[in-house]
Amino acid sequence: MSTQQATVTTTTTTTTKPYFDPSYLRTIPGILKIVQLVLCVVVFICVVAQKYKYYEASKADFVEFVTIVGFIVTLVLLILYLFHIVGYFYKIPWYLIEFIYCAIWALFFLISVIIMAIAAANYSRYRRNYRLPYGGFAAASFFSFFAMIAYGIDAFFKFRAWRNGEKPQIIAQQVSSRTTTATTVNA
């Protein structure tokens, strides 16, 4: 008596194309990116709207640089995550790159807080004699503090995810598998 067994396995994998996923905006990283974008715009407006900023031009220019670059990079990252493009470049250490970016921008916003607070204090001292408004720099310092916190929290989450070896996004795949087993018994 002989027994023959044959197993045939067929696996089909289909990778989806980039698609818009608005549910990312309801996750903690998505909310943090939206908050960072809004705070970058608010700080930029506060600095640009400040009258007589030429007294503190170099300080204002640094804060404008920080907010503009922060806005652009955060917007690009948000778009990459919204359309699940990050998942296609899975070999790139996204969490490490984002951790470094967020940590540097948290430090830059800390510097911006200090710079704008000093500029506001200088303007308040000048204001007694020349009536110079300083509210824009004070507001920029205030909102830069919250931007620093937002980037710092994001850096913490990115560092923790990187240390745990997590993947940023997994591409949705359709996997269909079919296994056929045939057994033949000869008597």
N, C-alpha and C. Protein backbone atom coordinates (compact mmCIF):
# COMPACT_ATOMS: atom_id res chain seq x y z
N MET A 1 0.85 -1.17 0.00
CA MET A 1 0.00 0.00 0.00
C MET A 1 0.90 1.23 0.00
N SER A 2 0.69 2.12 -0.94
CA SER A 2 1.48 3.34 -1.01
C SER A 2 0.55 4.55 -0.96
N THR A 3 1.05 5.61 -0.31
CA THR A 3 0.26 6.84 -0.16
C THR A 3 1.06 7.98 -0.77
N GLN A 4 0.42 8.73 -1.61
CA GLN A 4 1.05 9.91 -2.19
C GLN A 4 0.26 11.14 -1.78
N GLN A 5 0.99 12.16 -1.37
CA GLN A 5 0.31 13.39 -0.94
C GLN A 5 0.94 14.57 -1.69
N ALA A 6 0.11 15.41 -2.25
CA ALA A 6 0.57 16.59 -2.98
C ALA A 6 -0.12 17.82 -2.40
N THR A 7 0.66 18.84 -2.08
CA THR A 7 0.11 20.09 -1.56
C THR A 7 0.46 21.21 -2.50
N VAL A 8 -0.53 21.97 -2.92
CA VAL A 8 -0.33 23.12 -3.79
C VAL A 8 -0.83 24.35 -3.05
N THR A 9 0.05 25.33 -2.87
CA THR A 9 -0.32 26.56 -2.19
C THR A 9 -0.17 27.72 -3.15
N THR A 10 -1.21 28.53 -3.27
CA THR A 10 -1.20 29.70 -4.13
C THR A 10 -1.46 30.92 -3.26
N THR A 11 -0.56 31.89 -3.32
CA THR A 11 -0.72 33.12 -2.56
C THR A 11 -0.68 34.30 -3.51
N THR A 12 -1.66 35.17 -3.41
CA THR A 12 -1.73 36.36 -4.25
C THR A 12 -1.67 37.58 -3.34
N THR A 13 -0.73 38.47 -3.58
CA THR A 13 -0.59 39.68 -2.78
C THR A 13 -0.78 40.89 -3.70
N THR A 14 -1.64 41.78 -3.30
CA THR A 14 -1.90 42.99 -4.06
C THR A 14 -1.66 44.19 -3.16
N THR A 15 -0.77 45.07 -3.53
CA THR A 15 -0.50 46.28 -2.77
C THR A 15 -1.35 47.41 -3.33
N THR A 16 -1.98 48.14 -2.43
CA THR A 16 -2.83 49.24 -2.87
C THR A 16 -1.98 50.46 -3.21
N LYS A 17 -2.54 51.34 -3.96
CA LYS A 17 -1.88 52.60 -4.31
C LYS A 17 -2.12 53.61 -3.21
N PRO A 18 -1.38 54.71 -3.20
CA PRO A 18 -1.61 55.73 -2.17
C PRO A 18 -3.07 56.19 -2.18
N TYR A 19 -3.60 56.35 -0.99
CA TYR A 19 -4.98 56.78 -0.87
C TYR A 19 -5.09 57.77 0.29
N PHE A 20 -6.07 58.62 0.22
CA PHE A 20 -6.31 59.63 1.25
C PHE A 20 -7.00 58.97 2.44
N ASP A 21 -6.42 59.14 3.61
CA ASP A 21 -6.96 58.54 4.83
C ASP A 21 -7.16 59.61 5.88
N PRO A 22 -8.34 60.23 5.95
CA PRO A 22 -8.57 61.30 6.92
C PRO A 22 -8.59 60.83 8.36
N SER A 23 -8.65 59.51 8.59
CA SER A 23 -8.64 59.01 9.97
C SER A 23 -7.31 59.29 10.65
N TYR A 24 -6.24 59.54 9.88
CA TYR A 24 -4.95 59.87 10.48
C TYR A 24 -5.04 61.16 11.30
N LEU A 25 -5.90 62.06 10.89
CA LEU A 25 -6.04 63.34 11.61
C LEU A 25 -6.64 63.17 12.99
N ARG A 26 -7.23 62.01 13.27
CA ARG A 26 -7.80 61.75 14.59
C ARG A 26 -6.85 61.00 15.50
N THR A 27 -5.67 60.64 15.01
CA THR A 27 -4.68 59.98 15.84
C THR A 27 -3.84 61.02 16.57
N ILE A 28 -3.11 60.60 17.58
CA ILE A 28 -2.28 61.54 18.34
C ILE A 28 -1.22 62.19 17.45
N PRO A 29 -0.47 61.44 16.61
CA PRO A 29 0.49 62.10 15.73
C PRO A 29 -0.17 63.08 14.76
N GLY A 30 -1.35 62.74 14.25
CA GLY A 30 -2.06 63.64 13.34
C GLY A 30 -2.49 64.92 14.03
N ILE A 31 -3.02 64.79 15.24
CA ILE A 31 -3.43 65.97 16.00
C ILE A 31 -2.23 66.84 16.33
N LEU A 32 -1.11 66.21 16.70
CA LEU A 32 0.10 66.99 17.00
C LEU A 32 0.59 67.75 15.77
N LYS A 33 0.52 67.13 14.61
CA LYS A 33 0.96 67.82 13.39
C LYS A 33 0.05 69.01 13.08
N ILE A 34 -1.25 68.85 13.26
CA ILE A 34 -2.18 69.97 13.04
C ILE A 34 -1.89 71.10 14.03
N VAL A 35 -1.68 70.76 15.29
CA VAL A 35 -1.37 71.77 16.31
C VAL A 35 -0.07 72.48 15.96
N GLN A 36 0.93 71.74 15.52
CA GLN A 36 2.21 72.34 15.14
C GLN A 36 2.04 73.30 13.97
N LEU A 37 1.26 72.90 12.98
CA LEU A 37 1.02 73.78 11.83
C LEU A 37 0.34 75.07 12.25
N VAL A 38 -0.70 74.95 13.08
CA VAL A 38 -1.43 76.14 13.52
C VAL A 38 -0.53 77.05 14.34
N LEU A 39 0.26 76.47 15.25
CA LEU A 39 1.13 77.30 16.08
C LEU A 39 2.23 77.97 15.26
N CYS A 40 2.75 77.28 14.25
CA CYS A 40 3.76 77.91 13.38
C CYS A 40 3.16 79.13 12.67
N VAL A 41 1.94 78.99 12.18
CA VAL A 41 1.29 80.12 11.50
C VAL A 41 1.03 81.26 12.49
N VAL A 42 0.55 80.94 13.68
CA VAL A 42 0.25 81.98 14.67
C VAL A 42 1.51 82.73 15.08
N VAL A 43 2.59 82.01 15.36
CA VAL A 43 3.84 82.67 15.75
C VAL A 43 4.35 83.53 14.61
N PHE A 44 4.29 83.02 13.38
CA PHE A 44 4.73 83.80 12.23
C PHE A 44 3.94 85.09 12.10
N ILE A 45 2.62 85.00 12.24
CA ILE A 45 1.78 86.20 12.13
C ILE A 45 2.11 87.19 13.24
N CYS A 46 2.32 86.69 14.45
CA CYS A 46 2.65 87.59 15.57
C CYS A 46 3.95 88.36 15.32
N VAL A 47 4.94 87.67 14.77
CA VAL A 47 6.23 88.33 14.51
C VAL A 47 6.12 89.30 13.35
N VAL A 48 5.46 88.88 12.28
CA VAL A 48 5.35 89.73 11.09
C VAL A 48 4.49 90.95 11.36
N ALA A 49 3.46 90.79 12.18
CA ALA A 49 2.55 91.90 12.45
C ALA A 49 3.13 92.91 13.43
N GLN A 50 4.25 92.59 14.06
CA GLN A 50 4.85 93.49 15.04
C GLN A 50 5.36 94.75 14.34
N LYS A 51 4.87 95.88 14.77
CA LYS A 51 5.36 97.15 14.22
C LYS A 51 6.73 97.44 14.80
N TYR A 52 7.51 98.16 14.07
CA TYR A 52 8.84 98.59 14.50
C TYR A 52 9.74 97.40 14.85
N LYS A 53 9.60 96.32 14.10
CA LYS A 53 10.41 95.16 14.42
C LYS A 53 11.85 95.32 13.94
N TYR A 54 12.14 96.39 13.24
CA TYR A 54 13.51 96.58 12.76
C TYR A 54 14.48 96.82 13.91
N TYR A 55 13.97 97.17 15.10
CA TYR A 55 14.85 97.28 16.26
C TYR A 55 15.41 95.92 16.66
N GLU A 56 14.65 94.90 16.42
CA GLU A 56 15.05 93.54 16.78
C GLU A 56 14.99 92.65 15.53
N ALA A 57 15.49 93.13 14.42
CA ALA A 57 15.32 92.45 13.12
C ALA A 57 15.95 91.07 13.10
N SER A 58 17.16 90.90 13.61
CA SER A 58 17.81 89.59 13.54
C SER A 58 17.06 88.56 14.37
N LYS A 59 16.53 89.00 15.51
CA LYS A 59 15.76 88.08 16.35
C LYS A 59 14.47 87.68 15.65
N ALA A 60 13.81 88.64 15.06
CA ALA A 60 12.56 88.36 14.36
C ALA A 60 12.82 87.47 13.14
N ASP A 61 13.93 87.69 12.45
CA ASP A 61 14.26 86.87 11.28
C ASP A 61 14.48 85.41 11.67
N PHE A 62 15.14 85.18 12.81
CA PHE A 62 15.36 83.80 13.26
C PHE A 62 14.02 83.11 13.54
N VAL A 63 13.14 83.80 14.23
CA VAL A 63 11.83 83.21 14.55
C VAL A 63 11.02 82.99 13.28
N GLU A 64 11.09 83.89 12.33
CA GLU A 64 10.40 83.69 11.06
C GLU A 64 10.95 82.46 10.34
N PHE A 65 12.27 82.29 10.34
CA PHE A 65 12.89 81.11 9.73
C PHE A 65 12.39 79.83 10.40
N VAL A 66 12.38 79.82 11.71
CA VAL A 66 11.95 78.63 12.45
C VAL A 66 10.50 78.29 12.12
N THR A 67 9.64 79.29 12.08
CA THR A 67 8.23 79.01 11.83
C THR A 67 7.96 78.60 10.38
N ILE A 68 8.63 79.23 9.43
CA ILE A 68 8.39 78.90 8.02
C ILE A 68 8.90 77.50 7.71
N VAL A 69 10.12 77.18 8.11
CA VAL A 69 10.67 75.85 7.83
C VAL A 69 9.88 74.79 8.60
N GLY A 70 9.53 75.09 9.86
CA GLY A 70 8.73 74.15 10.63
C GLY A 70 7.38 73.88 9.98
N PHE A 71 6.75 74.93 9.48
CA PHE A 71 5.46 74.77 8.80
C PHE A 71 5.61 73.91 7.56
N ILE A 72 6.60 74.19 6.73
CA ILE A 72 6.76 73.46 5.46
C ILE A 72 7.08 71.99 5.71
N VAL A 73 8.02 71.71 6.59
CA VAL A 73 8.41 70.31 6.84
C VAL A 73 7.25 69.55 7.49
N THR A 74 6.58 70.15 8.45
CA THR A 74 5.45 69.49 9.09
C THR A 74 4.31 69.25 8.11
N LEU A 75 4.06 70.20 7.21
CA LEU A 75 3.03 70.02 6.20
C LEU A 75 3.37 68.88 5.26
N VAL A 76 4.62 68.79 4.84
CA VAL A 76 5.05 67.69 3.96
C VAL A 76 4.88 66.35 4.67
N LEU A 77 5.29 66.28 5.94
CA LEU A 77 5.12 65.04 6.69
C LEU A 77 3.65 64.67 6.85
N LEU A 78 2.82 65.66 7.10
CA LEU A 78 1.39 65.41 7.23
C LEU A 78 0.81 64.84 5.93
N ILE A 79 1.20 65.41 4.81
CA ILE A 79 0.72 64.91 3.51
C ILE A 79 1.21 63.49 3.26
N LEU A 80 2.47 63.22 3.60
CA LEU A 80 3.01 61.87 3.42
C LEU A 80 2.23 60.85 4.24
N TYR A 81 1.86 61.23 5.45
CA TYR A 81 1.09 60.31 6.30
C TYR A 81 -0.37 60.22 5.87
N LEU A 82 -0.95 61.33 5.45
CA LEU A 82 -2.36 61.32 5.04
C LEU A 82 -2.59 60.42 3.82
N PHE A 83 -1.62 60.36 2.93
CA PHE A 83 -1.76 59.55 1.73
C PHE A 83 -1.02 58.22 1.82
N HIS A 84 -0.57 57.87 3.02
CA HIS A 84 0.11 56.59 3.28
C HIS A 84 1.32 56.38 2.38
N ILE A 85 1.99 57.45 2.04
CA ILE A 85 3.19 57.35 1.20
C ILE A 85 4.37 56.86 2.03
N VAL A 86 4.34 57.12 3.31
CA VAL A 86 5.43 56.70 4.21
C VAL A 86 5.60 55.19 4.18
N GLY A 87 4.50 54.47 4.07
CA GLY A 87 4.56 53.01 4.07
C GLY A 87 5.27 52.43 2.87
N TYR A 88 5.34 53.15 1.78
CA TYR A 88 6.02 52.65 0.59
C TYR A 88 7.54 52.74 0.73
N PHE A 89 8.00 53.60 1.60
CA PHE A 89 9.44 53.75 1.82
C PHE A 89 9.77 53.20 3.20
N TYR A 90 9.45 51.93 3.40
CA TYR A 90 9.59 51.31 4.71
C TYR A 90 11.04 51.11 5.14
N LYS A 91 11.98 51.20 4.23
CA LYS A 91 13.38 51.04 4.60
C LYS A 91 13.97 52.31 5.22
N ILE A 92 13.30 53.43 5.03
CA ILE A 92 13.75 54.69 5.63
C ILE A 92 13.33 54.70 7.09
N PRO A 93 14.24 55.02 8.02
CA PRO A 93 13.87 55.06 9.44
C PRO A 93 13.08 56.33 9.77
N TRP A 94 11.80 56.34 9.42
CA TRP A 94 10.97 57.53 9.55
C TRP A 94 10.92 58.05 10.97
N TYR A 95 10.75 57.15 11.93
CA TYR A 95 10.62 57.61 13.32
C TYR A 95 11.92 58.25 13.81
N LEU A 96 13.05 57.73 13.41
CA LEU A 96 14.31 58.34 13.80
C LEU A 96 14.47 59.72 13.17
N ILE A 97 14.15 59.83 11.89
CA ILE A 97 14.25 61.12 11.20
C ILE A 97 13.30 62.14 11.83
N GLU A 98 12.06 61.71 12.09
CA GLU A 98 11.10 62.63 12.70
C GLU A 98 11.48 62.99 14.13
N PHE A 99 12.06 62.05 14.86
CA PHE A 99 12.52 62.35 16.21
C PHE A 99 13.58 63.43 16.19
N ILE A 100 14.56 63.28 15.31
CA ILE A 100 15.63 64.28 15.21
C ILE A 100 15.06 65.64 14.80
N TYR A 101 14.17 65.64 13.81
CA TYR A 101 13.54 66.89 13.36
C TYR A 101 12.76 67.55 14.50
N CYS A 102 11.91 66.79 15.17
CA CYS A 102 11.07 67.36 16.24
C CYS A 102 11.92 67.83 17.42
N ALA A 103 12.98 67.10 17.75
CA ALA A 103 13.85 67.51 18.86
C ALA A 103 14.57 68.82 18.51
N ILE A 104 15.07 68.93 17.29
CA ILE A 104 15.75 70.16 16.88
C ILE A 104 14.77 71.32 16.86
N TRP A 105 13.55 71.09 16.36
CA TRP A 105 12.59 72.19 16.30
C TRP A 105 12.06 72.57 17.68
N ALA A 106 12.01 71.61 18.60
CA ALA A 106 11.65 71.95 19.98
C ALA A 106 12.73 72.85 20.58
N LEU A 107 13.99 72.55 20.30
CA LEU A 107 15.09 73.39 20.76
C LEU A 107 15.03 74.77 20.10
N PHE A 108 14.76 74.81 18.80
CA PHE A 108 14.65 76.10 18.10
C PHE A 108 13.50 76.94 18.67
N PHE A 109 12.39 76.30 18.99
CA PHE A 109 11.29 77.06 19.58
C PHE A 109 11.60 77.50 21.00
N LEU A 110 12.40 76.73 21.73
CA LEU A 110 12.86 77.19 23.05
C LEU A 110 13.70 78.46 22.90
N ILE A 111 14.59 78.46 21.92
CA ILE A 111 15.39 79.66 21.63
C ILE A 111 14.47 80.80 21.21
N SER A 112 13.45 80.50 20.43
CA SER A 112 12.51 81.54 20.00
C SER A 112 11.75 82.13 21.18
N VAL A 113 11.37 81.29 22.13
CA VAL A 113 10.69 81.79 23.34
C VAL A 113 11.57 82.80 24.05
N ILE A 114 12.83 82.43 24.23
CA ILE A 114 13.77 83.32 24.94
C ILE A 114 13.99 84.60 24.15
N ILE A 115 14.23 84.46 22.86
CA ILE A 115 14.48 85.63 22.01
C ILE A 115 13.30 86.59 22.02
N MET A 116 12.10 86.06 21.84
CA MET A 116 10.92 86.93 21.78
C MET A 116 10.60 87.54 23.15
N ALA A 117 10.87 86.81 24.22
CA ALA A 117 10.65 87.38 25.56
C ALA A 117 11.61 88.53 25.81
N ILE A 118 12.87 88.37 25.40
CA ILE A 118 13.85 89.45 25.56
C ILE A 118 13.46 90.63 24.68
N ALA A 119 13.04 90.36 23.44
CA ALA A 119 12.64 91.44 22.54
C ALA A 119 11.43 92.19 23.10
N ALA A 120 10.48 91.45 23.67
CA ALA A 120 9.30 92.10 24.26
C ALA A 120 9.70 92.94 25.47
N ALA A 121 10.64 92.42 26.25
CA ALA A 121 11.11 93.20 27.41
C ALA A 121 11.84 94.46 26.96
N ASN A 122 12.64 94.34 25.91
CA ASN A 122 13.34 95.52 25.40
C ASN A 122 12.34 96.54 24.86
N TYR A 123 11.32 96.07 24.17
CA TYR A 123 10.31 96.98 23.64
C TYR A 123 9.52 97.64 24.77
N SER A 124 9.26 96.90 25.84
CA SER A 124 8.51 97.50 26.94
C SER A 124 9.35 98.59 27.60
N ARG A 125 10.66 98.40 27.62
CA ARG A 125 11.55 99.43 28.17
C ARG A 125 11.57 100.66 27.25
N TYR A 126 11.62 100.42 25.92
CA TYR A 126 11.58 101.53 24.97
C TYR A 126 10.23 102.21 24.96
N ARG A 127 9.20 101.45 25.26
CA ARG A 127 7.85 101.96 25.14
C ARG A 127 7.62 103.15 26.06
N ARG A 128 8.25 103.15 27.19
CA ARG A 128 8.05 104.26 28.13
C ARG A 128 8.43 105.59 27.49
N ASN A 129 9.47 105.55 26.68
CA ASN A 129 9.95 106.80 26.08
C ASN A 129 9.36 107.07 24.70
N TYR A 130 9.20 106.02 23.89
CA TYR A 130 8.83 106.22 22.49
C TYR A 130 7.47 105.67 22.11
N ARG A 131 6.79 105.04 23.00
CA ARG A 131 5.46 104.46 22.74
C ARG A 131 5.51 103.38 21.66
N LEU A 132 6.45 102.46 21.75
CA LEU A 132 6.54 101.37 20.79
C LEU A 132 5.71 100.19 21.29
N PRO A 133 4.86 99.63 20.44
CA PRO A 133 4.08 98.46 20.86
C PRO A 133 4.95 97.20 20.85
N TYR A 134 4.77 96.35 21.83
CA TYR A 134 5.57 95.14 21.92
C TYR A 134 4.70 93.88 22.04
N GLY A 135 3.42 94.01 21.86
CA GLY A 135 2.51 92.87 22.04
C GLY A 135 2.76 91.72 21.08
N GLY A 136 3.20 92.02 19.87
CA GLY A 136 3.45 90.96 18.89
C GLY A 136 4.57 90.03 19.34
N PHE A 137 5.64 90.60 19.88
CA PHE A 137 6.75 89.77 20.36
C PHE A 137 6.36 88.99 21.61
N ALA A 138 5.57 89.60 22.48
CA ALA A 138 5.11 88.89 23.68
C ALA A 138 4.21 87.72 23.29
N ALA A 139 3.31 87.95 22.34
CA ALA A 139 2.43 86.88 21.86
C ALA A 139 3.23 85.79 21.15
N ALA A 140 4.23 86.19 20.37
CA ALA A 140 5.08 85.22 19.68
C ALA A 140 5.82 84.35 20.69
N SER A 141 6.29 84.96 21.78
CA SER A 141 6.96 84.20 22.83
C SER A 141 6.00 83.21 23.48
N PHE A 142 4.79 83.67 23.75
CA PHE A 142 3.77 82.82 24.37
C PHE A 142 3.43 81.62 23.50
N PHE A 143 3.15 81.85 22.22
CA PHE A 143 2.78 80.75 21.33
C PHE A 143 3.98 79.89 20.94
N SER A 144 5.17 80.46 20.94
CA SER A 144 6.38 79.66 20.69
C SER A 144 6.58 78.64 21.81
N PHE A 145 6.19 79.02 23.02
CA PHE A 145 6.29 78.08 24.14
C PHE A 145 5.41 76.86 23.90
N PHE A 146 4.19 77.07 23.42
CA PHE A 146 3.31 75.95 23.15
C PHE A 146 3.76 75.15 21.93
N ALA A 147 4.36 75.82 20.95
CA ALA A 147 4.92 75.09 19.81
C ALA A 147 6.09 74.22 20.28
N MET A 148 6.90 74.75 21.19
CA MET A 148 8.01 73.96 21.75
C MET A 148 7.46 72.71 22.45
N ILE A 149 6.40 72.86 23.20
CA ILE A 149 5.80 71.71 23.89
C ILE A 149 5.26 70.70 22.88
N ALA A 150 4.59 71.18 21.84
CA ALA A 150 4.03 70.28 20.83
C ALA A 150 5.13 69.49 20.12
N TYR A 151 6.19 70.17 19.73
CA TYR A 151 7.31 69.47 19.07
C TYR A 151 8.02 68.55 20.05
N GLY A 152 8.12 68.94 21.31
CA GLY A 152 8.76 68.09 22.32
C GLY A 152 7.97 66.82 22.58
N ILE A 153 6.65 66.93 22.66
CA ILE A 153 5.81 65.74 22.86
C ILE A 153 5.91 64.83 21.64
N ASP A 154 5.89 65.42 20.46
CA ASP A 154 6.02 64.62 19.24
C ASP A 154 7.37 63.92 19.20
N ALA A 155 8.44 64.61 19.61
CA ALA A 155 9.76 63.99 19.65
C ALA A 155 9.78 62.82 20.62
N PHE A 156 9.12 62.98 21.76
CA PHE A 156 9.06 61.89 22.75
C PHE A 156 8.37 60.66 22.16
N PHE A 157 7.22 60.86 21.52
CA PHE A 157 6.49 59.74 20.93
C PHE A 157 7.28 59.09 19.80
N LYS A 158 7.96 59.89 18.99
CA LYS A 158 8.75 59.34 17.88
C LYS A 158 9.94 58.54 18.42
N PHE A 159 10.57 59.05 19.48
CA PHE A 159 11.70 58.34 20.06
C PHE A 159 11.25 57.00 20.64
N ARG A 160 10.13 57.02 21.34
CA ARG A 160 9.62 55.79 21.95
C ARG A 160 9.25 54.77 20.86
N ALA A 161 8.62 55.23 19.80
CA ALA A 161 8.26 54.32 18.71
C ALA A 161 9.51 53.78 18.01
N TRP A 162 10.52 54.62 17.84
CA TRP A 162 11.76 54.17 17.20
C TRP A 162 12.46 53.12 18.06
N ARG A 163 12.50 53.35 19.37
CA ARG A 163 13.16 52.39 20.27
C ARG A 163 12.42 51.06 20.31
N ASN A 164 11.10 51.09 20.16
CA ASN A 164 10.31 49.85 20.17
C ASN A 164 10.31 49.15 18.82
N GLY A 165 10.92 49.77 17.81
CA GLY A 165 11.01 49.15 16.48
C GLY A 165 9.70 49.15 15.71
N GLU A 166 8.83 50.11 16.00
CA GLU A 166 7.55 50.17 15.31
C GLU A 166 7.72 50.69 13.88
N LYS A 167 6.79 50.34 13.05
CA LYS A 167 6.75 50.84 11.68
C LYS A 167 5.74 51.98 11.62
N PRO A 168 6.03 53.07 10.89
CA PRO A 168 5.13 54.22 10.87
C PRO A 168 3.75 53.92 10.30
N GLN A 169 3.68 53.28 9.17
CA GLN A 169 2.40 52.92 8.55
C GLN A 169 2.59 51.62 7.80
N ILE A 170 1.59 50.81 7.84
CA ILE A 170 1.63 49.55 7.11
C ILE A 170 0.71 49.70 5.91
N ILE A 171 1.23 49.35 4.78
CA ILE A 171 0.44 49.43 3.55
C ILE A 171 -0.63 48.35 3.59
N ALA A 172 -1.83 48.75 3.28
CA ALA A 172 -2.93 47.79 3.23
C ALA A 172 -2.69 46.82 2.08
N GLN A 173 -2.72 45.56 2.39
CA GLN A 173 -2.50 44.56 1.37
C GLN A 173 -3.66 43.57 1.37
N GLN A 174 -4.00 43.13 0.19
CA GLN A 174 -4.98 42.06 0.05
C GLN A 174 -4.19 40.78 -0.14
N VAL A 175 -4.39 39.86 0.75
CA VAL A 175 -3.71 38.59 0.62
C VAL A 175 -4.77 37.51 0.53
N SER A 176 -4.72 36.78 -0.54
CA SER A 176 -5.62 35.64 -0.66
C SER A 176 -4.76 34.40 -0.80
N SER A 177 -5.12 33.39 -0.05
CA SER A 177 -4.33 32.18 -0.05
C SER A 177 -5.26 30.99 -0.28
N ARG A 178 -4.77 30.05 -1.06
CA ARG A 178 -5.56 28.86 -1.34
C ARG A 178 -4.63 27.66 -1.24
N THR A 179 -4.99 26.75 -0.39
CA THR A 179 -4.20 25.54 -0.23
C THR A 179 -5.04 24.34 -0.65
N THR A 180 -4.45 23.53 -1.48
CA THR A 180 -5.13 22.33 -1.96
C THR A 180 -4.28 21.13 -1.60
N THR A 181 -4.87 20.18 -0.94
CA THR A 181 -4.16 18.97 -0.56
C THR A 181 -4.87 17.78 -1.22
N ALA A 182 -4.11 17.00 -1.91
CA ALA A 182 -4.66 15.81 -2.55
C ALA A 182 -3.92 14.60 -2.03
N THR A 183 -4.67 13.64 -1.56
CA THR A 183 -4.08 12.40 -1.05
C THR A 183 -4.58 11.25 -1.92
N THR A 184 -3.64 10.44 -2.36
CA THR A 184 -3.98 9.29 -3.19
C THR A 184 -3.51 8.05 -2.45
N VAL A 185 -4.39 7.12 -2.27
CA VAL A 185 -4.07 5.86 -1.60
C VAL A 185 -4.19 4.73 -2.63
N ASN A 186 -3.11 4.02 -2.84
CA ASN A 186 -3.12 2.86 -3.74
C ASN A 186 -3.16 1.58 -2.91
N ALA A 187 -4.07 0.74 -3.20
CA ALA A 187 -4.20 -0.50 -2.44
C ALA A 187 -3.50 -1.67 -3.10
